[in-house]
Structures are given as C-alpha cells and as structure tokens.
Amino acid sequence: MMRNGMYSQGTQSGPMNVVVVEPYVYAALHNLIGKRVVLDTTRGSVSGIVMDAKPDHVVIKEHDSAFFVRIREIVWIMPEN
C-alpha cells in the first residue's frame, strides 16, 4: 500500500498491488521493446536495445551487457533509427 508517496511496511495476505509511478514512460518503453534507444538518466546516458519494460525499471542490452535502469531516473528517451 502506498501512503504519502511511500510504500507501507506490513503483512499482506493477498496479491501485491503495484503502482506505476510514470505510466506514460512505462507505456512508451513497452512499445519500444526490441528497438534501439538512447536513455538519458540522472547519472548519464545508456544506449542499446530495450529487452524488457516493467513498471519500475527497463532492461537495456548493449553487446554482452544488460543495464537495469529505474524508470524514475530517466530524463528522456530517444529511439534510434
């Protein structure tokens, strides 16, 4: 459960609820699966192929390396041609 922007600690008997913090960014990344992109983050740029997109992170693969980037850290996304 989310209260005041924070996830509350506690036991839960049912399935966990996931809140998508950036729904439009998540949707854009999900539509870019399999395509090359450049992501600018608060820590620098990452480029590669979008392998997967989850509500809280995206997986970018470049050569033999996979980068797990938190969606909250993304400043902008640019698809490459």
PDB file of N, CA and C in Angstrom:
ATOM      1  N   MET A   1       0.844  -1.170   0.000  1.00  0.00           N
ATOM      2  CA  MET A   1       0.000   0.000   0.000  1.00  0.00           C
ATOM      3  C   MET A   1       0.886   1.229   0.000  1.00  0.00           C
ATOM      4  N   MET A   2       0.424   2.260  -0.654  1.00  0.00           N
ATOM      5  CA  MET A   2       1.220   3.462  -0.760  1.00  0.00           C
ATOM      6  C   MET A   2       0.547   4.572   0.032  1.00  0.00           C
ATOM      7  N   ARG A   3       1.315   5.208   0.906  1.00  0.00           N
ATOM      8  CA  ARG A   3       0.808   6.313   1.704  1.00  0.00           C
ATOM      9  C   ARG A   3       1.796   7.455   1.646  1.00  0.00           C
ATOM     10  N   ASN A   4       1.308   8.627   1.288  1.00  0.00           N
ATOM     11  CA  ASN A   4       2.160   9.816   1.220  1.00  0.00           C
ATOM     12  C   ASN A   4       3.390   9.597   0.343  1.00  0.00           C
ATOM     13  N   GLY A   5       3.228   8.841  -0.754  1.00  0.00           N
ATOM     14  CA  GLY A   5       4.331   8.619  -1.674  1.00  0.00           C
ATOM     15  C   GLY A   5       5.318   7.557  -1.229  1.00  0.00           C
ATOM     16  N   MET A   6       5.044   6.886  -0.119  1.00  0.00           N
ATOM     17  CA  MET A   6       5.950   5.855   0.388  1.00  0.00           C
ATOM     18  C   MET A   6       5.193   4.533   0.467  1.00  0.00           C
ATOM     19  N   TYR A   7       5.891   3.427   0.264  1.00  0.00           N
ATOM     20  CA  TYR A   7       5.280   2.122   0.420  1.00  0.00           C
ATOM     21  C   TYR A   7       5.251   1.782   1.904  1.00  0.00           C
ATOM     22  N   SER A   8       4.098   1.323   2.367  1.00  0.00           N
ATOM     23  CA  SER A   8       3.991   0.983   3.781  1.00  0.00           C
ATOM     24  C   SER A   8       4.520  -0.423   4.017  1.00  0.00           C
ATOM     25  N   GLN A   9       5.089  -0.632   5.156  1.00  0.00           N
ATOM     26  CA  GLN A   9       5.588  -1.940   5.553  1.00  0.00           C
ATOM     27  C   GLN A   9       4.455  -2.663   6.257  1.00  0.00           C
ATOM     28  N   GLY A  10       4.418  -3.936   6.149  1.00  0.00           N
ATOM     29  CA  GLY A  10       3.391  -4.705   6.837  1.00  0.00           C
ATOM     30  C   GLY A  10       3.084  -5.973   6.081  1.00  0.00           C
ATOM     31  N   THR A  11       2.302  -6.811   6.720  1.00  0.00           N
ATOM     32  CA  THR A  11       1.953  -8.072   6.082  1.00  0.00           C
ATOM     33  C   THR A  11       0.745  -7.868   5.201  1.00  0.00           C
ATOM     34  N   GLN A  12       0.690  -8.679   4.190  1.00  0.00           N
ATOM     35  CA  GLN A  12      -0.407  -8.592   3.238  1.00  0.00           C
ATOM     36  C   GLN A  12      -0.788 -10.001   2.862  1.00  0.00           C
ATOM     37  N   SER A  13      -2.054 -10.324   2.927  1.00  0.00           N
ATOM     38  CA  SER A  13      -2.472 -11.692   2.653  1.00  0.00           C
ATOM     39  C   SER A  13      -2.789 -11.937   1.184  1.00  0.00           C
ATOM     40  N   GLY A  14      -3.124 -10.883   0.426  1.00  0.00           N
ATOM     41  CA  GLY A  14      -3.474 -11.040  -0.982  1.00  0.00           C
ATOM     42  C   GLY A  14      -2.323 -10.686  -1.896  1.00  0.00           C
ATOM     43  N   PRO A  15      -2.605 -10.617  -3.199  1.00  0.00           N
ATOM     44  CA  PRO A  15      -1.540 -10.244  -4.147  1.00  0.00           C
ATOM     45  C   PRO A  15      -1.080  -8.802  -3.919  1.00  0.00           C
ATOM     46  N   MET A  16       0.180  -8.572  -4.219  1.00  0.00           N
ATOM     47  CA  MET A  16       0.753  -7.242  -4.021  1.00  0.00           C
ATOM     48  C   MET A  16       0.260  -6.294  -5.108  1.00  0.00           C
ATOM     49  N   ASN A  17      -0.139  -5.092  -4.719  1.00  0.00           N
ATOM     50  CA  ASN A  17      -0.549  -4.072  -5.676  1.00  0.00           C
ATOM     51  C   ASN A  17       0.668  -3.303  -6.130  1.00  0.00           C
ATOM     52  N   VAL A  18       0.794  -3.089  -7.439  1.00  0.00           N
ATOM     53  CA  VAL A  18       1.907  -2.329  -7.994  1.00  0.00           C
ATOM     54  C   VAL A  18       1.368  -1.014  -8.534  1.00  0.00           C
ATOM     55  N   VAL A  19       1.981   0.073  -8.131  1.00  0.00           N
ATOM     56  CA  VAL A  19       1.590   1.385  -8.612  1.00  0.00           C
ATOM     57  C   VAL A  19       2.622   1.838  -9.627  1.00  0.00           C
ATOM     58  N   VAL A  20       2.177   2.121 -10.842  1.00  0.00           N
ATOM     59  CA  VAL A  20       3.077   2.610 -11.867  1.00  0.00           C
ATOM     60  C   VAL A  20       3.255   4.108 -11.637  1.00  0.00           C
ATOM     61  N   VAL A  21       4.488   4.505 -11.299  1.00  0.00           N
ATOM     62  CA  VAL A  21       4.766   5.892 -10.959  1.00  0.00           C
ATOM     63  C   VAL A  21       4.772   6.775 -12.199  1.00  0.00           C
ATOM     64  N   GLU A  22       5.302   6.277 -13.292  1.00  0.00           N
ATOM     65  CA  GLU A  22       5.387   7.017 -14.553  1.00  0.00           C
ATOM     66  C   GLU A  22       4.678   6.209 -15.645  1.00  0.00           C
ATOM     67  N   PRO A  23       3.332   6.211 -15.670  1.00  0.00           N
ATOM     68  CA  PRO A  23       2.625   5.328 -16.603  1.00  0.00           C
ATOM     69  C   PRO A  23       2.895   5.613 -18.078  1.00  0.00           C
ATOM     70  N   TYR A  24       3.090   6.876 -18.458  1.00  0.00           N
ATOM     71  CA  TYR A  24       3.343   7.183 -19.875  1.00  0.00           C
ATOM     72  C   TYR A  24       4.754   6.778 -20.287  1.00  0.00           C
ATOM     73  N   VAL A  25       5.716   6.926 -19.399  1.00  0.00           N
ATOM     74  CA  VAL A  25       7.087   6.490 -19.690  1.00  0.00           C
ATOM     75  C   VAL A  25       7.113   4.973 -19.805  1.00  0.00           C
ATOM     76  N   TYR A  26       6.442   4.291 -18.891  1.00  0.00           N
ATOM     77  CA  TYR A  26       6.366   2.824 -18.950  1.00  0.00           C
ATOM     78  C   TYR A  26       5.723   2.377 -20.266  1.00  0.00           C
ATOM     79  N   ALA A  27       4.618   3.010 -20.659  1.00  0.00           N
ATOM     80  CA  ALA A  27       3.943   2.640 -21.903  1.00  0.00           C
ATOM     81  C   ALA A  27       4.840   2.876 -23.114  1.00  0.00           C
ATOM     82  N   ALA A  28       5.559   3.998 -23.122  1.00  0.00           N
ATOM     83  CA  ALA A  28       6.472   4.286 -24.235  1.00  0.00           C
ATOM     84  C   ALA A  28       7.575   3.241 -24.311  1.00  0.00           C
ATOM     85  N   LEU A  29       8.161   2.892 -23.171  1.00  0.00           N
ATOM     86  CA  LEU A  29       9.224   1.889 -23.157  1.00  0.00           C
ATOM     87  C   LEU A  29       8.696   0.524 -23.577  1.00  0.00           C
ATOM     88  N   HIS A  30       7.506   0.180 -23.141  1.00  0.00           N
ATOM     89  CA  HIS A  30       6.914  -1.111 -23.511  1.00  0.00           C
ATOM     90  C   HIS A  30       6.721  -1.190 -25.019  1.00  0.00           C
ATOM     91  N   ASN A  31       6.345  -0.080 -25.654  1.00  0.00           N
ATOM     92  CA  ASN A  31       6.178  -0.048 -27.106  1.00  0.00           C
ATOM     93  C   ASN A  31       7.505  -0.085 -27.857  1.00  0.00           C
ATOM     94  N   LEU A  32       8.613   0.178 -27.165  1.00  0.00           N
ATOM     95  CA  LEU A  32       9.940   0.190 -27.796  1.00  0.00           C
ATOM     96  C   LEU A  32      10.711  -1.119 -27.588  1.00  0.00           C
ATOM     97  N   ILE A  33      10.088  -2.136 -27.012  1.00  0.00           N
ATOM     98  CA  ILE A  33      10.769  -3.424 -26.805  1.00  0.00           C
ATOM     99  C   ILE A  33      11.242  -3.956 -28.162  1.00  0.00           C
ATOM    100  N   GLY A  34      12.524  -4.330 -28.211  1.00  0.00           N
ATOM    101  CA  GLY A  34      13.127  -4.838 -29.436  1.00  0.00           C
ATOM    102  C   GLY A  34      13.769  -3.772 -30.308  1.00  0.00           C
ATOM    103  N   LYS A  35      13.641  -2.516 -29.914  1.00  0.00           N
ATOM    104  CA  LYS A  35      14.203  -1.416 -30.702  1.00  0.00           C
ATOM    105  C   LYS A  35      15.357  -0.759 -29.951  1.00  0.00           C
ATOM    106  N   ARG A  36      16.243  -0.103 -30.729  1.00  0.00           N
ATOM    107  CA  ARG A  36      17.374   0.617 -30.133  1.00  0.00           C
ATOM    108  C   ARG A  36      16.917   1.973 -29.623  1.00  0.00           C
ATOM    109  N   VAL A  37      17.422   2.347 -28.453  1.00  0.00           N
ATOM    110  CA  VAL A  37      17.097   3.643 -27.859  1.00  0.00           C
ATOM    111  C   VAL A  37      18.321   4.230 -27.180  1.00  0.00           C
ATOM    112  N   VAL A  38      18.238   5.507 -26.917  1.00  0.00           N
ATOM    113  CA  VAL A  38      19.184   6.183 -26.032  1.00  0.00           C
ATOM    114  C   VAL A  38      18.350   6.714 -24.882  1.00  0.00           C
ATOM    115  N   LEU A  39      18.759   6.379 -23.672  1.00  0.00           N
ATOM    116  CA  LEU A  39      18.101   6.887 -22.468  1.00  0.00           C
ATOM    117  C   LEU A  39      19.045   7.856 -21.797  1.00  0.00           C
ATOM    118  N   ASP A  40      18.553   9.031 -21.472  1.00  0.00           N
ATOM    119  CA  ASP A  40      19.338   9.942 -20.645  1.00  0.00           C
ATOM    120  C   ASP A  40      18.799   9.805 -19.232  1.00  0.00           C
ATOM    121  N   THR A  41      19.692   9.556 -18.292  1.00  0.00           N
ATOM    122  CA  THR A  41      19.300   9.396 -16.900  1.00  0.00           C
ATOM    123  C   THR A  41      19.987  10.453 -16.056  1.00  0.00           C
ATOM    124  N   THR A  42      19.624  10.492 -14.803  1.00  0.00           N
ATOM    125  CA  THR A  42      20.255  11.439 -13.885  1.00  0.00           C
ATOM    126  C   THR A  42      21.726  11.117 -13.677  1.00  0.00           C
ATOM    127  N   ARG A  43      22.169   9.932 -14.104  1.00  0.00           N
ATOM    128  CA  ARG A  43      23.572   9.533 -13.934  1.00  0.00           C
ATOM    129  C   ARG A  43      24.319   9.411 -15.245  1.00  0.00           C
ATOM    130  N   GLY A  44      23.687   9.768 -16.370  1.00  0.00           N
ATOM    131  CA  GLY A  44      24.349   9.672 -17.667  1.00  0.00           C
ATOM    132  C   GLY A  44      23.475   8.958 -18.676  1.00  0.00           C
ATOM    133  N   SER A  45      24.003   8.779 -19.878  1.00  0.00           N
ATOM    134  CA  SER A  45      23.234   8.155 -20.959  1.00  0.00           C
ATOM    135  C   SER A  45      23.522   6.667 -21.059  1.00  0.00           C
ATOM    136  N   VAL A  46      22.515   5.928 -21.507  1.00  0.00           N
ATOM    137  CA  VAL A  46      22.626   4.493 -21.763  1.00  0.00           C
ATOM    138  C   VAL A  46      21.989   4.254 -23.118  1.00  0.00           C
ATOM    139  N   SER A  47      22.666   3.496 -23.972  1.00  0.00           N
ATOM    140  CA  SER A  47      22.074   3.169 -25.268  1.00  0.00           C
ATOM    141  C   SER A  47      22.114   1.664 -25.479  1.00  0.00           C
ATOM    142  N   GLY A  48      21.154   1.180 -26.244  1.00  0.00           N
ATOM    143  CA  GLY A  48      21.078  -0.241 -26.539  1.00  0.00           C
ATOM    144  C   GLY A  48      19.680  -0.626 -26.942  1.00  0.00           C
ATOM    145  N   ILE A  49      19.406  -1.922 -26.926  1.00  0.00           N
ATOM    146  CA  ILE A  49      18.111  -2.461 -27.320  1.00  0.00           C
ATOM    147  C   ILE A  49      17.267  -2.663 -26.066  1.00  0.00           C
ATOM    148  N   VAL A  50      16.025  -2.203 -26.120  1.00  0.00           N
ATOM    149  CA  VAL A  50      15.099  -2.416 -24.995  1.00  0.00           C
ATOM    150  C   VAL A  50      14.700  -3.895 -25.006  1.00  0.00           C
ATOM    151  N   MET A  51      15.085  -4.613 -23.970  1.00  0.00           N
ATOM    152  CA  MET A  51      14.786  -6.038 -23.872  1.00  0.00           C
ATOM    153  C   MET A  51      13.493  -6.300 -23.110  1.00  0.00           C
ATOM    154  N   ASP A  52      13.207  -5.460 -22.120  1.00  0.00           N
ATOM    155  CA  ASP A  52      12.017  -5.652 -21.294  1.00  0.00           C
ATOM    156  C   ASP A  52      11.691  -4.337 -20.604  1.00  0.00           C
ATOM    157  N   ALA A  53      10.426  -4.147 -20.289  1.00  0.00           N
ATOM    158  CA  ALA A  53       9.993  -2.965 -19.550  1.00  0.00           C
ATOM    159  C   ALA A  53       9.036  -3.410 -18.456  1.00  0.00           C
ATOM    160  N   LYS A  54       9.317  -3.016 -17.268  1.00  0.00           N
ATOM    161  CA  LYS A  54       8.485  -3.295 -16.100  1.00  0.00           C
ATOM    162  C   LYS A  54       8.021  -1.960 -15.530  1.00  0.00           C
ATOM    163  N   PRO A  55       7.022  -1.956 -14.654  1.00  0.00           N
ATOM    164  CA  PRO A  55       6.527  -0.689 -14.107  1.00  0.00           C
ATOM    165  C   PRO A  55       7.581   0.151 -13.395  1.00  0.00           C
ATOM    166  N   ASP A  56       8.648  -0.481 -12.878  1.00  0.00           N
ATOM    167  CA  ASP A  56       9.652   0.283 -12.131  1.00  0.00           C
ATOM    168  C   ASP A  56      11.018   0.349 -12.802  1.00  0.00           C
ATOM    169  N   HIS A  57      11.280  -0.486 -13.831  1.00  0.00           N
ATOM    170  CA  HIS A  57      12.588  -0.465 -14.487  1.00  0.00           C
ATOM    171  C   HIS A  57      12.485  -0.946 -15.924  1.00  0.00           C
ATOM    172  N   VAL A  58      13.540  -0.670 -16.680  1.00  0.00           N
ATOM    173  CA  VAL A  58      13.652  -1.127 -18.054  1.00  0.00           C
ATOM    174  C   VAL A  58      14.993  -1.837 -18.194  1.00  0.00           C
ATOM    175  N   VAL A  59      15.030  -2.859 -19.037  1.00  0.00           N
ATOM    176  CA  VAL A  59      16.270  -3.602 -19.288  1.00  0.00           C
ATOM    177  C   VAL A  59      16.775  -3.221 -20.672  1.00  0.00           C
ATOM    178  N   ILE A  60      17.993  -2.676 -20.713  1.00  0.00           N
ATOM    179  CA  ILE A  60      18.650  -2.268 -21.959  1.00  0.00           C
ATOM    180  C   ILE A  60      19.850  -3.177 -22.162  1.00  0.00           C
ATOM    181  N   LYS A  61      19.977  -3.763 -23.358  1.00  0.00           N
ATOM    182  CA  LYS A  61      21.108  -4.639 -23.649  1.00  0.00           C
ATOM    183  C   LYS A  61      21.981  -3.998 -24.706  1.00  0.00           C
ATOM    184  N   GLU A  62      23.282  -3.944 -24.443  1.00  0.00           N
ATOM    185  CA  GLU A  62      24.269  -3.441 -25.401  1.00  0.00           C
ATOM    186  C   GLU A  62      25.430  -4.425 -25.403  1.00  0.00           C
ATOM    187  N   HIS A  63      25.670  -5.059 -26.534  1.00  0.00           N
ATOM    188  CA  HIS A  63      26.686  -6.111 -26.680  1.00  0.00           C
ATOM    189  C   HIS A  63      26.379  -7.223 -25.685  1.00  0.00           C
ATOM    190  N   ASP A  64      27.272  -7.517 -24.766  1.00  0.00           N
ATOM    191  CA  ASP A  64      27.057  -8.591 -23.792  1.00  0.00           C
ATOM    192  C   ASP A  64      26.626  -8.071 -22.426  1.00  0.00           C
ATOM    193  N   SER A  65      26.316  -6.786 -22.327  1.00  0.00           N
ATOM    194  CA  SER A  65      25.950  -6.191 -21.036  1.00  0.00           C
ATOM    195  C   SER A  65      24.468  -5.839 -21.003  1.00  0.00           C
ATOM    196  N   ALA A  66      23.865  -6.073 -19.855  1.00  0.00           N
ATOM    197  CA  ALA A  66      22.474  -5.682 -19.633  1.00  0.00           C
ATOM    198  C   ALA A  66      22.458  -4.606 -18.545  1.00  0.00           C
ATOM    199  N   PHE A  67      21.684  -3.568 -18.789  1.00  0.00           N
ATOM    200  CA  PHE A  67      21.545  -2.478 -17.826  1.00  0.00           C
ATOM    201  C   PHE A  67      20.106  -2.446 -17.346  1.00  0.00           C
ATOM    202  N   PHE A  68      19.917  -2.418 -16.046  1.00  0.00           N
ATOM    203  CA  PHE A  68      18.605  -2.298 -15.439  1.00  0.00           C
ATOM    204  C   PHE A  68      18.480  -0.853 -14.963  1.00  0.00           C
ATOM    205  N   VAL A  69      17.644  -0.079 -15.642  1.00  0.00           N
ATOM    206  CA  VAL A  69      17.524   1.351 -15.367  1.00  0.00           C
ATOM    207  C   VAL A  69      16.175   1.611 -14.705  1.00  0.00           C
ATOM    208  N   ARG A  70      16.210   2.263 -13.556  1.00  0.00           N
ATOM    209  CA  ARG A  70      14.963   2.626 -12.878  1.00  0.00           C
ATOM    210  C   ARG A  70      14.247   3.704 -13.673  1.00  0.00           C
ATOM    211  N   ILE A  71      12.961   3.517 -13.896  1.00  0.00           N
ATOM    212  CA  ILE A  71      12.185   4.474 -14.676  1.00  0.00           C
ATOM    213  C   ILE A  71      12.193   5.846 -14.018  1.00  0.00           C
ATOM    214  N   ARG A  72      12.234   5.904 -12.709  1.00  0.00           N
ATOM    215  CA  ARG A  72      12.271   7.189 -12.008  1.00  0.00           C
ATOM    216  C   ARG A  72      13.510   8.006 -12.346  1.00  0.00           C
ATOM    217  N   GLU A  73      14.575   7.354 -12.813  1.00  0.00           N
ATOM    218  CA  GLU A  73      15.835   8.030 -13.109  1.00  0.00           C
ATOM    219  C   GLU A  73      15.926   8.525 -14.549  1.00  0.00           C
ATOM    220  N   ILE A  74      14.955   8.157 -15.394  1.00  0.00           N
ATOM    221  CA  ILE A  74      15.004   8.535 -16.810  1.00  0.00           C
ATOM    222  C   ILE A  74      14.560   9.986 -16.988  1.00  0.00           C
ATOM    223  N   VAL A  75      15.384  10.748 -17.721  1.00  0.00           N
ATOM    224  CA  VAL A  75      15.075  12.141 -18.035  1.00  0.00           C
ATOM    225  C   VAL A  75      14.378  12.205 -19.395  1.00  0.00           C
ATOM    226  N   TRP A  76      14.954  11.546 -20.404  1.00  0.00           N
ATOM    227  CA  TRP A  76      14.319  11.479 -21.719  1.00  0.00           C
ATOM    228  C   TRP A  76      14.702  10.187 -22.429  1.00  0.00           C
ATOM    229  N   ILE A  77      13.903   9.850 -23.466  1.00  0.00           N
ATOM    230  CA  ILE A  77      14.098   8.640 -24.273  1.00  0.00           C
ATOM    231  C   ILE A  77      14.130   9.063 -25.728  1.00  0.00           C
ATOM    232  N   MET A  78      15.115   8.554 -26.484  1.00  0.00           N
ATOM    233  CA  MET A  78      15.184   8.845 -27.911  1.00  0.00           C
ATOM    234  C   MET A  78      15.354   7.538 -28.673  1.00  0.00           C
ATOM    235  N   PRO A  79      14.336   7.141 -29.465  1.00  0.00           N
ATOM    236  CA  PRO A  79      14.507   5.957 -30.312  1.00  0.00           C
ATOM    237  C   PRO A  79      15.573   6.232 -31.361  1.00  0.00           C
ATOM    238  N   GLU A  80      16.394   5.213 -31.674  1.00  0.00           N
ATOM    239  CA  GLU A  80      17.409   5.322 -32.723  1.00  0.00           C
ATOM    240  C   GLU A  80      16.879   4.653 -33.978  1.00  0.00           C
ATOM    241  N   ASN A  81      17.297   5.153 -35.119  1.00  0.00           N
ATOM    242  CA  ASN A  81      16.891   4.547 -36.402  1.00  0.00           C
ATOM    243  C   ASN A  81      17.966   3.640 -36.912  1.00  0.00           C
TER     244      ASN A  81
END
